[in-house]
């Protein structure tokens, strides 16, 4: 016997999420963050990532082109 809830939970991925509500606040609506500026967050994360790699003396190598 297949369980519909198990099928829903285990066949979905993060890409299936459209709205997220945490403690009554909508933090993602129609796959867009409502509480942060995503572009600013990604820019700051990239800056900090580079600084961490420098401190560790590690080079990041990617297989995909990064622009």
PDB file of N, CA and C in Angstrom:
ATOM      1  N   UNK A   1       0.836  -1.180   0.000  1.00  0.00           N
ATOM      2  CA  UNK A   1       0.000   0.000   0.000  1.00  0.00           C
ATOM      3  C   UNK A   1       0.887   1.252   0.000  1.00  0.00           C
ATOM      4  N   UNK A   2       0.659   2.148  -0.943  1.00  0.00           N
ATOM      5  CA  UNK A   2       1.422   3.380  -1.001  1.00  0.00           C
ATOM      6  C   UNK A   2       0.772   4.430  -0.118  1.00  0.00           C
ATOM      7  N   UNK A   3       1.608   5.171   0.530  1.00  0.00           N
ATOM      8  CA  UNK A   3       1.105   6.245   1.386  1.00  0.00           C
ATOM      9  C   UNK A   3       1.247   7.576   0.648  1.00  0.00           C
ATOM     10  N   UNK A   4       0.166   8.266   0.385  1.00  0.00           N
ATOM     11  CA  UNK A   4       0.239   9.530  -0.357  1.00  0.00           C
ATOM     12  C   UNK A   4       1.146  10.573   0.295  1.00  0.00           C
ATOM     13  N   UNK A   5       1.123  10.654   1.617  1.00  0.00           N
ATOM     14  CA  UNK A   5       1.957  11.649   2.292  1.00  0.00           C
ATOM     15  C   UNK A   5       3.428  11.312   2.105  1.00  0.00           C
ATOM     16  N   UNK A   6       3.800  10.056   2.260  1.00  0.00           N
ATOM     17  CA  UNK A   6       5.197   9.651   2.069  1.00  0.00           C
ATOM     18  C   UNK A   6       5.628   9.932   0.635  1.00  0.00           C
ATOM     19  N   UNK A   7       4.770   9.652  -0.327  1.00  0.00           N
ATOM     20  CA  UNK A   7       5.108   9.937  -1.720  1.00  0.00           C
ATOM     21  C   UNK A   7       5.349  11.424  -1.925  1.00  0.00           C
ATOM     22  N   UNK A   8       4.518  12.248  -1.346  1.00  0.00           N
ATOM     23  CA  UNK A   8       4.670  13.690  -1.473  1.00  0.00           C
ATOM     24  C   UNK A   8       5.986  14.156  -0.852  1.00  0.00           C
ATOM     25  N   UNK A   9       6.256  13.703   0.351  1.00  0.00           N
ATOM     26  CA  UNK A   9       7.450  14.148   1.073  1.00  0.00           C
ATOM     27  C   UNK A   9       8.728  13.673   0.396  1.00  0.00           C
ATOM     28  N   UNK A  10       8.799  12.429   0.012  1.00  0.00           N
ATOM     29  CA  UNK A  10      10.045  11.876  -0.495  1.00  0.00           C
ATOM     30  C   UNK A  10      10.257  12.091  -1.986  1.00  0.00           C
ATOM     31  N   UNK A  11       9.252  12.534  -2.722  1.00  0.00           N
ATOM     32  CA  UNK A  11       9.456  12.787  -4.137  1.00  0.00           C
ATOM     33  C   UNK A  11       9.678  14.269  -4.420  1.00  0.00           C
ATOM     34  N   UNK A  12       9.498  15.118  -3.433  1.00  0.00           N
ATOM     35  CA  UNK A  12       9.673  16.556  -3.604  1.00  0.00           C
ATOM     36  C   UNK A  12      11.122  16.956  -3.344  1.00  0.00           C
ATOM     37  N   UNK A  13      11.482  18.152  -3.797  1.00  0.00           N
ATOM     38  CA  UNK A  13      12.802  18.720  -3.514  1.00  0.00           C
ATOM     39  C   UNK A  13      12.614  20.184  -3.121  1.00  0.00           C
ATOM     40  N   UNK A  14      13.689  20.836  -2.780  1.00  0.00           N
ATOM     41  CA  UNK A  14      13.609  22.244  -2.407  1.00  0.00           C
ATOM     42  C   UNK A  14      13.060  23.106  -3.528  1.00  0.00           C
ATOM     43  N   UNK A  15      13.258  22.681  -4.776  1.00  0.00           N
ATOM     44  CA  UNK A  15      12.745  23.441  -5.917  1.00  0.00           C
ATOM     45  C   UNK A  15      11.220  23.443  -5.964  1.00  0.00           C
ATOM     46  N   UNK A  16      10.594  22.536  -5.252  1.00  0.00           N
ATOM     47  CA  UNK A  16       9.126  22.454  -5.227  1.00  0.00           C
ATOM     48  C   UNK A  16       8.503  23.444  -4.252  1.00  0.00           C
ATOM     49  N   UNK A  17       9.325  24.051  -3.421  1.00  0.00           N
ATOM     50  CA  UNK A  17       8.808  24.947  -2.386  1.00  0.00           C
ATOM     51  C   UNK A  17       8.502  26.307  -2.996  1.00  0.00           C
ATOM     52  N   UNK A  18       7.304  26.809  -2.757  1.00  0.00           N
ATOM     53  CA  UNK A  18       6.905  28.118  -3.263  1.00  0.00           C
ATOM     54  C   UNK A  18       6.747  29.133  -2.134  1.00  0.00           C
ATOM     55  N   UNK A  19       6.242  28.698  -0.987  1.00  0.00           N
ATOM     56  CA  UNK A  19       6.000  29.600   0.137  1.00  0.00           C
ATOM     57  C   UNK A  19       6.515  28.956   1.416  1.00  0.00           C
ATOM     58  N   UNK A  20       7.192  29.758   2.241  1.00  0.00           N
ATOM     59  CA  UNK A  20       7.692  29.285   3.535  1.00  0.00           C
ATOM     60  C   UNK A  20       7.192  30.248   4.606  1.00  0.00           C
ATOM     61  N   UNK A  21       6.582  29.685   5.640  1.00  0.00           N
ATOM     62  CA  UNK A  21       6.091  30.477   6.765  1.00  0.00           C
ATOM     63  C   UNK A  21       6.782  29.972   8.019  1.00  0.00           C
ATOM     64  N   UNK A  22       7.437  30.875   8.732  1.00  0.00           N
ATOM     65  CA  UNK A  22       8.132  30.530   9.969  1.00  0.00           C
ATOM     66  C   UNK A  22       7.568  31.398  11.078  1.00  0.00           C
ATOM     67  N   UNK A  23       7.068  30.749  12.102  1.00  0.00           N
ATOM     68  CA  UNK A  23       6.508  31.450  13.261  1.00  0.00           C
ATOM     69  C   UNK A  23       5.484  32.505  12.840  1.00  0.00           C
ATOM     70  N   UNK A  24       4.672  32.165  11.845  1.00  0.00           N
ATOM     71  CA  UNK A  24       3.621  33.058  11.384  1.00  0.00           C
ATOM     72  C   UNK A  24       4.056  34.121  10.397  1.00  0.00           C
ATOM     73  N   UNK A  25       5.358  34.205  10.087  1.00  0.00           N
ATOM     74  CA  UNK A  25       5.871  35.204   9.134  1.00  0.00           C
ATOM     75  C   UNK A  25       6.160  34.531   7.802  1.00  0.00           C
ATOM     76  N   UNK A  26       5.732  35.150   6.720  1.00  0.00           N
ATOM     77  CA  UNK A  26       6.048  34.635   5.385  1.00  0.00           C
ATOM     78  C   UNK A  26       7.469  35.086   5.056  1.00  0.00           C
ATOM     79  N   UNK A  27       8.395  34.132   4.948  1.00  0.00           N
ATOM     80  CA  UNK A  27       9.787  34.467   4.644  1.00  0.00           C
ATOM     81  C   UNK A  27      10.126  34.181   3.183  1.00  0.00           C
ATOM     82  N   UNK A  28       9.283  33.402   2.504  1.00  0.00           N
ATOM     83  CA  UNK A  28       9.431  33.191   1.066  1.00  0.00           C
ATOM     84  C   UNK A  28       8.032  33.144   0.472  1.00  0.00           C
ATOM     85  N   UNK A  29       7.824  33.941  -0.560  1.00  0.00           N
ATOM     86  CA  UNK A  29       6.523  33.984  -1.222  1.00  0.00           C
ATOM     87  C   UNK A  29       6.760  33.884  -2.724  1.00  0.00           C
ATOM     88  N   UNK A  30       6.137  32.914  -3.364  1.00  0.00           N
ATOM     89  CA  UNK A  30       6.308  32.664  -4.798  1.00  0.00           C
ATOM     90  C   UNK A  30       7.794  32.522  -5.148  1.00  0.00           C
ATOM     91  N   UNK A  31       8.524  31.789  -4.320  1.00  0.00           N
ATOM     92  CA  UNK A  31       9.951  31.484  -4.468  1.00  0.00           C
ATOM     93  C   UNK A  31      10.846  32.721  -4.399  1.00  0.00           C
ATOM     94  N   UNK A  32      10.368  33.792  -3.780  1.00  0.00           N
ATOM     95  CA  UNK A  32      11.161  34.999  -3.573  1.00  0.00           C
ATOM     96  C   UNK A  32      11.250  35.273  -2.080  1.00  0.00           C
ATOM     97  N   UNK A  33      12.471  35.527  -1.594  1.00  0.00           N
ATOM     98  CA  UNK A  33      12.629  35.858  -0.186  1.00  0.00           C
ATOM     99  C   UNK A  33      11.970  37.195   0.112  1.00  0.00           C
ATOM    100  N   UNK A  34      11.316  37.289   1.264  1.00  0.00           N
ATOM    101  CA  UNK A  34      10.653  38.529   1.653  1.00  0.00           C
ATOM    102  C   UNK A  34      11.381  39.247   2.778  1.00  0.00           C
ATOM    103  N   UNK A  35      12.341  38.584   3.411  1.00  0.00           N
ATOM    104  CA  UNK A  35      12.986  39.176   4.591  1.00  0.00           C
ATOM    105  C   UNK A  35      14.428  39.597   4.340  1.00  0.00           C
ATOM    106  N   UNK A  36      15.002  39.212   3.205  1.00  0.00           N
ATOM    107  CA  UNK A  36      16.382  39.591   2.901  1.00  0.00           C
ATOM    108  C   UNK A  36      16.483  40.019   1.447  1.00  0.00           C
ATOM    109  N   UNK A  37      17.525  40.771   1.138  1.00  0.00           N
ATOM    110  CA  UNK A  37      17.853  41.121  -0.233  1.00  0.00           C
ATOM    111  C   UNK A  37      18.784  40.018  -0.744  1.00  0.00           C
ATOM    112  N   UNK A  38      18.276  39.138  -1.587  1.00  0.00           N
ATOM    113  CA  UNK A  38      19.037  37.958  -2.005  1.00  0.00           C
ATOM    114  C   UNK A  38      20.318  38.328  -2.754  1.00  0.00           C
ATOM    115  N   UNK A  39      20.271  39.318  -3.625  1.00  0.00           N
ATOM    116  CA  UNK A  39      21.466  39.723  -4.381  1.00  0.00           C
ATOM    117  C   UNK A  39      22.556  40.227  -3.437  1.00  0.00           C
ATOM    118  N   UNK A  40      22.175  41.034  -2.451  1.00  0.00           N
ATOM    119  CA  UNK A  40      23.136  41.544  -1.471  1.00  0.00           C
ATOM    120  C   UNK A  40      23.717  40.398  -0.646  1.00  0.00           C
ATOM    121  N   UNK A  41      22.858  39.464  -0.237  1.00  0.00           N
ATOM    122  CA  UNK A  41      23.323  38.321   0.544  1.00  0.00           C
ATOM    123  C   UNK A  41      24.348  37.509  -0.249  1.00  0.00           C
ATOM    124  N   UNK A  42      24.062  37.220  -1.512  1.00  0.00           N
ATOM    125  CA  UNK A  42      24.981  36.425  -2.334  1.00  0.00           C
ATOM    126  C   UNK A  42      26.305  37.158  -2.557  1.00  0.00           C
ATOM    127  N   UNK A  43      26.235  38.486  -2.743  1.00  0.00           N
ATOM    128  CA  UNK A  43      27.459  39.268  -2.913  1.00  0.00           C
ATOM    129  C   UNK A  43      28.313  39.205  -1.654  1.00  0.00           C
ATOM    130  N   UNK A  44      27.671  39.400  -0.497  1.00  0.00           N
ATOM    131  CA  UNK A  44      28.416  39.353   0.766  1.00  0.00           C
ATOM    132  C   UNK A  44      28.969  37.958   1.037  1.00  0.00           C
ATOM    133  N   UNK A  45      28.201  36.929   0.721  1.00  0.00           N
ATOM    134  CA  UNK A  45      28.668  35.554   0.926  1.00  0.00           C
ATOM    135  C   UNK A  45      29.898  35.273   0.068  1.00  0.00           C
ATOM    136  N   UNK A  46      29.886  35.735  -1.175  1.00  0.00           N
ATOM    137  CA  UNK A  46      31.030  35.525  -2.060  1.00  0.00           C
ATOM    138  C   UNK A  46      32.273  36.233  -1.514  1.00  0.00           C
ATOM    139  N   UNK A  47      32.097  37.443  -0.995  1.00  0.00           N
ATOM    140  CA  UNK A  47      33.216  38.186  -0.413  1.00  0.00           C
ATOM    141  C   UNK A  47      33.799  37.440   0.785  1.00  0.00           C
ATOM    142  N   UNK A  48      32.947  36.987   1.679  1.00  0.00           N
ATOM    143  CA  UNK A  48      33.420  36.280   2.869  1.00  0.00           C
ATOM    144  C   UNK A  48      34.028  34.926   2.513  1.00  0.00           C
ATOM    145  N   UNK A  49      33.467  34.256   1.531  1.00  0.00           N
ATOM    146  CA  UNK A  49      34.025  32.971   1.102  1.00  0.00           C
ATOM    147  C   UNK A  49      35.458  33.149   0.620  1.00  0.00           C
ATOM    148  N   UNK A  50      35.664  34.184  -0.196  1.00  0.00           N
ATOM    149  CA  UNK A  50      37.014  34.458  -0.683  1.00  0.00           C
ATOM    150  C   UNK A  50      37.983  34.735   0.455  1.00  0.00           C
ATOM    151  N   UNK A  51      37.545  35.498   1.447  1.00  0.00           N
ATOM    152  CA  UNK A  51      38.409  35.809   2.595  1.00  0.00           C
ATOM    153  C   UNK A  51      38.737  34.551   3.395  1.00  0.00           C
ATOM    154  N   UNK A  52      37.782  33.664   3.550  1.00  0.00           N
ATOM    155  CA  UNK A  52      38.019  32.411   4.279  1.00  0.00           C
ATOM    156  C   UNK A  52      39.023  31.544   3.523  1.00  0.00           C
ATOM    157  N   UNK A  53      38.841  31.432   2.204  1.00  0.00           N
ATOM    158  CA  UNK A  53      39.800  30.653   1.406  1.00  0.00           C
ATOM    159  C   UNK A  53      41.211  31.227   1.529  1.00  0.00           C
ATOM    160  N   UNK A  54      41.337  32.549   1.504  1.00  0.00           N
ATOM    161  CA  UNK A  54      42.650  33.169   1.648  1.00  0.00           C
ATOM    162  C   UNK A  54      43.277  32.830   2.997  1.00  0.00           C
ATOM    163  N   UNK A  55      42.490  32.931   4.079  1.00  0.00           N
ATOM    164  CA  UNK A  55      43.010  32.603   5.417  1.00  0.00           C
ATOM    165  C   UNK A  55      43.456  31.152   5.510  1.00  0.00           C
ATOM    166  N   UNK A  56      42.734  30.260   4.841  1.00  0.00           N
ATOM    167  CA  UNK A  56      43.073  28.842   4.887  1.00  0.00           C
ATOM    168  C   UNK A  56      44.182  28.469   3.912  1.00  0.00           C
ATOM    169  N   UNK A  57      44.484  29.372   2.984  1.00  0.00           N
ATOM    170  CA  UNK A  57      45.486  29.071   1.964  1.00  0.00           C
ATOM    171  C   UNK A  57      44.981  28.044   0.956  1.00  0.00           C
ATOM    172  N   UNK A  58      43.683  28.070   0.685  1.00  0.00           N
ATOM    173  CA  UNK A  58      43.057  27.108  -0.215  1.00  0.00           C
ATOM    174  C   UNK A  58      42.572  27.842  -1.463  1.00  0.00           C
ATOM    175  N   UNK A  59      42.715  27.189  -2.612  1.00  0.00           N
ATOM    176  CA  UNK A  59      42.172  27.743  -3.843  1.00  0.00           C
ATOM    177  C   UNK A  59      40.900  26.997  -4.202  1.00  0.00           C
ATOM    178  N   UNK A  60      39.899  27.737  -4.637  1.00  0.00           N
ATOM    179  CA  UNK A  60      38.651  27.110  -5.059  1.00  0.00           C
ATOM    180  C   UNK A  60      38.745  26.801  -6.548  1.00  0.00           C
ATOM    181  N   UNK A  61      38.456  25.554  -6.883  1.00  0.00           N
ATOM    182  CA  UNK A  61      38.448  25.139  -8.284  1.00  0.00           C
ATOM    183  C   UNK A  61      37.049  24.691  -8.629  1.00  0.00           C
ATOM    184  N   UNK A  62      36.517  25.255  -9.696  1.00  0.00           N
ATOM    185  CA  UNK A  62      35.176  24.857 -10.113  1.00  0.00           C
ATOM    186  C   UNK A  62      35.226  24.202 -11.484  1.00  0.00           C
ATOM    187  N   UNK A  63      34.271  23.373 -11.744  1.00  0.00           N
ATOM    188  CA  UNK A  63      34.177  22.750 -13.061  1.00  0.00           C
ATOM    189  C   UNK A  63      33.318  23.571 -13.998  1.00  0.00           C
ATOM    190  N   UNK A  64      32.517  24.471 -13.416  1.00  0.00           N
ATOM    191  CA  UNK A  64      31.641  25.311 -14.230  1.00  0.00           C
ATOM    192  C   UNK A  64      32.203  26.712 -14.305  1.00  0.00           C
ATOM    193  N   UNK A  65      31.983  27.380 -15.433  1.00  0.00           N
ATOM    194  CA  UNK A  65      32.430  28.775 -15.519  1.00  0.00           C
ATOM    195  C   UNK A  65      31.650  29.646 -14.545  1.00  0.00           C
ATOM    196  N   UNK A  66      32.354  30.506 -13.848  1.00  0.00           N
ATOM    197  CA  UNK A  66      31.738  31.405 -12.875  1.00  0.00           C
ATOM    198  C   UNK A  66      31.944  32.827 -13.372  1.00  0.00           C
ATOM    199  N   UNK A  67      30.846  33.586 -13.429  1.00  0.00           N
ATOM    200  CA  UNK A  67      30.974  34.965 -13.899  1.00  0.00           C
ATOM    201  C   UNK A  67      30.768  35.935 -12.773  1.00  0.00           C
TER     202      UNK A  67
END
